[in-house]
Amino acid sequence: MARIEGIPQRKAGLVVRLAYWFSKRMVGKVVEPALITAHHPWIFRASGAYEFMLDRARVVDARLKALVSLKAAALIGCPF
């Protein structure tokens, strides 16, 4: 649980609403990091660009990337 409240969809701008929609489509709900980083537009855009480029990277197999992501999340106690 975050220490600060995220930006609700009804108060979010167009770009943030679009990102929320993609998050719901991919994960089933709006992920907490998206809610929190929506407070600062530049950080939100940079985070989105990073996630987009990470998804597009083809040097490492997608299954291996998913496994590494799962292991890193388990090590730090993240539910995602």
C-alpha atoms as a PDB file:
ATOM      1  CA  MET A   1       0.000   0.000   0.000  1.00  0.00           C
ATOM      2  CA  ALA A   2       1.333   3.417  -0.962  1.00  0.00           C
ATOM      3  CA  ARG A   3       1.830   6.256   1.473  1.00  0.00           C
ATOM      4  CA  ILE A   4       0.065   8.696  -0.851  1.00  0.00           C
ATOM      5  CA  GLU A   5      -3.203   8.397  -2.727  1.00  0.00           C
ATOM      6  CA  GLY A   6      -3.134   7.880  -6.467  1.00  0.00           C
ATOM      7  CA  ILE A   7      -4.872  10.043  -9.044  1.00  0.00           C
ATOM      8  CA  PRO A   8      -8.423   8.711  -9.617  1.00  0.00           C
ATOM      9  CA  GLN A   9      -9.534   8.240 -13.200  1.00  0.00           C
ATOM     10  CA  ARG A  10     -12.158  10.987 -13.040  1.00  0.00           C
ATOM     11  CA  LYS A  11      -9.468  13.577 -12.184  1.00  0.00           C
ATOM     12  CA  ALA A  12      -6.812  12.278 -14.582  1.00  0.00           C
ATOM     13  CA  GLY A  13      -5.868  13.818 -17.891  1.00  0.00           C
ATOM     14  CA  LEU A  14      -6.243  12.196 -21.284  1.00  0.00           C
ATOM     15  CA  VAL A  15      -2.794  10.547 -21.391  1.00  0.00           C
ATOM     16  CA  VAL A  16      -3.185   9.161 -17.882  1.00  0.00           C
ATOM     17  CA  ARG A  17      -6.653   7.789 -18.679  1.00  0.00           C
ATOM     18  CA  LEU A  18      -5.225   6.065 -21.732  1.00  0.00           C
ATOM     19  CA  ALA A  19      -2.472   4.517 -19.611  1.00  0.00           C
ATOM     20  CA  TYR A  20      -5.042   3.412 -17.034  1.00  0.00           C
ATOM     21  CA  TRP A  21      -7.053   1.754 -19.806  1.00  0.00           C
ATOM     22  CA  PHE A  22      -3.955  -0.134 -21.034  1.00  0.00           C
ATOM     23  CA  SER A  23      -3.160  -1.181 -17.470  1.00  0.00           C
ATOM     24  CA  LYS A  24      -6.670  -2.541 -16.968  1.00  0.00           C
ATOM     25  CA  ARG A  25      -6.472  -4.347 -20.281  1.00  0.00           C
ATOM     26  CA  MET A  26      -3.108  -5.967 -19.567  1.00  0.00           C
ATOM     27  CA  VAL A  27      -3.291  -6.672 -15.828  1.00  0.00           C
ATOM     28  CA  GLY A  28      -6.986  -6.479 -15.002  1.00  0.00           C
ATOM     29  CA  LYS A  29      -6.727  -3.380 -12.810  1.00  0.00           C
ATOM     30  CA  VAL A  30      -4.861  -0.092 -12.690  1.00  0.00           C
ATOM     31  CA  VAL A  31      -1.491  -0.855 -11.132  1.00  0.00           C
ATOM     32  CA  GLU A  32      -0.430   1.201  -8.148  1.00  0.00           C
ATOM     33  CA  PRO A  33       2.786   2.605  -9.673  1.00  0.00           C
ATOM     34  CA  ALA A  34       0.711   4.173 -12.464  1.00  0.00           C
ATOM     35  CA  LEU A  35      -1.643   5.744  -9.936  1.00  0.00           C
ATOM     36  CA  ILE A  36       1.217   7.240  -7.944  1.00  0.00           C
ATOM     37  CA  THR A  37       3.410   8.447 -10.808  1.00  0.00           C
ATOM     38  CA  ALA A  38       0.380  10.185 -12.353  1.00  0.00           C
ATOM     39  CA  HIS A  39       0.979  12.974  -9.817  1.00  0.00           C
ATOM     40  CA  HIS A  40       3.969  14.161 -11.840  1.00  0.00           C
ATOM     41  CA  PRO A  41       3.477  14.230 -15.643  1.00  0.00           C
ATOM     42  CA  TRP A  42       7.161  13.989 -16.601  1.00  0.00           C
ATOM     43  CA  ILE A  43       7.838  11.032 -14.318  1.00  0.00           C
ATOM     44  CA  PHE A  44       4.652   9.368 -15.565  1.00  0.00           C
ATOM     45  CA  ARG A  45       5.719   9.788 -19.205  1.00  0.00           C
ATOM     46  CA  ALA A  46       9.267   8.604 -18.512  1.00  0.00           C
ATOM     47  CA  SER A  47       7.979   5.533 -16.677  1.00  0.00           C
ATOM     48  CA  GLY A  48       5.585   4.773 -19.517  1.00  0.00           C
ATOM     49  CA  ALA A  49       8.336   5.178 -22.103  1.00  0.00           C
ATOM     50  CA  TYR A  50      10.590   2.853 -20.116  1.00  0.00           C
ATOM     51  CA  GLU A  51       7.888   0.181 -19.885  1.00  0.00           C
ATOM     52  CA  PHE A  52       7.127   0.525 -23.603  1.00  0.00           C
ATOM     53  CA  MET A  53      10.782   0.160 -24.601  1.00  0.00           C
ATOM     54  CA  LEU A  54      11.270  -2.748 -22.218  1.00  0.00           C
ATOM     55  CA  ASP A  55       8.334  -4.509 -23.829  1.00  0.00           C
ATOM     56  CA  ARG A  56       9.772  -3.838 -27.299  1.00  0.00           C
ATOM     57  CA  ALA A  57      13.278  -5.138 -26.452  1.00  0.00           C
ATOM     58  CA  ARG A  58      13.956  -8.381 -28.300  1.00  0.00           C
ATOM     59  CA  VAL A  59      17.525  -9.214 -27.233  1.00  0.00           C
ATOM     60  CA  VAL A  60      16.299 -11.508 -24.452  1.00  0.00           C
ATOM     61  CA  ASP A  61      13.460 -14.012 -24.851  1.00  0.00           C
ATOM     62  CA  ALA A  62      10.091 -12.787 -23.513  1.00  0.00           C
ATOM     63  CA  ARG A  63       9.716 -15.814 -21.236  1.00  0.00           C
ATOM     64  CA  LEU A  64      13.104 -15.118 -19.656  1.00  0.00           C
ATOM     65  CA  LYS A  65      12.189 -11.447 -19.123  1.00  0.00           C
ATOM     66  CA  ALA A  66       8.967 -12.496 -17.407  1.00  0.00           C
ATOM     67  CA  LEU A  67      10.832 -14.961 -15.196  1.00  0.00           C
ATOM     68  CA  VAL A  68      13.429 -12.376 -14.197  1.00  0.00           C
ATOM     69  CA  SER A  69      10.692  -9.835 -13.461  1.00  0.00           C
ATOM     70  CA  LEU A  70       8.895 -12.353 -11.275  1.00  0.00           C
ATOM     71  CA  LYS A  71      12.090 -13.210  -9.387  1.00  0.00           C
ATOM     72  CA  ALA A  72      12.929  -9.532  -8.819  1.00  0.00           C
ATOM     73  CA  ALA A  73       9.404  -8.864  -7.547  1.00  0.00           C
ATOM     74  CA  ALA A  74       9.624 -11.835  -5.197  1.00  0.00           C
ATOM     75  CA  LEU A  75      12.961 -10.641  -3.816  1.00  0.00           C
ATOM     76  CA  ILE A  76      11.662  -7.194  -2.933  1.00  0.00           C
ATOM     77  CA  GLY A  77       8.192  -8.334  -1.865  1.00  0.00           C
ATOM     78  CA  CYS A  78       6.280  -6.646  -4.690  1.00  0.00           C
ATOM     79  CA  PRO A  79       2.906  -8.223  -5.595  1.00  0.00           C
ATOM     80  CA  PHE A  80       3.464  -7.531  -9.304  1.00  0.00           C
END
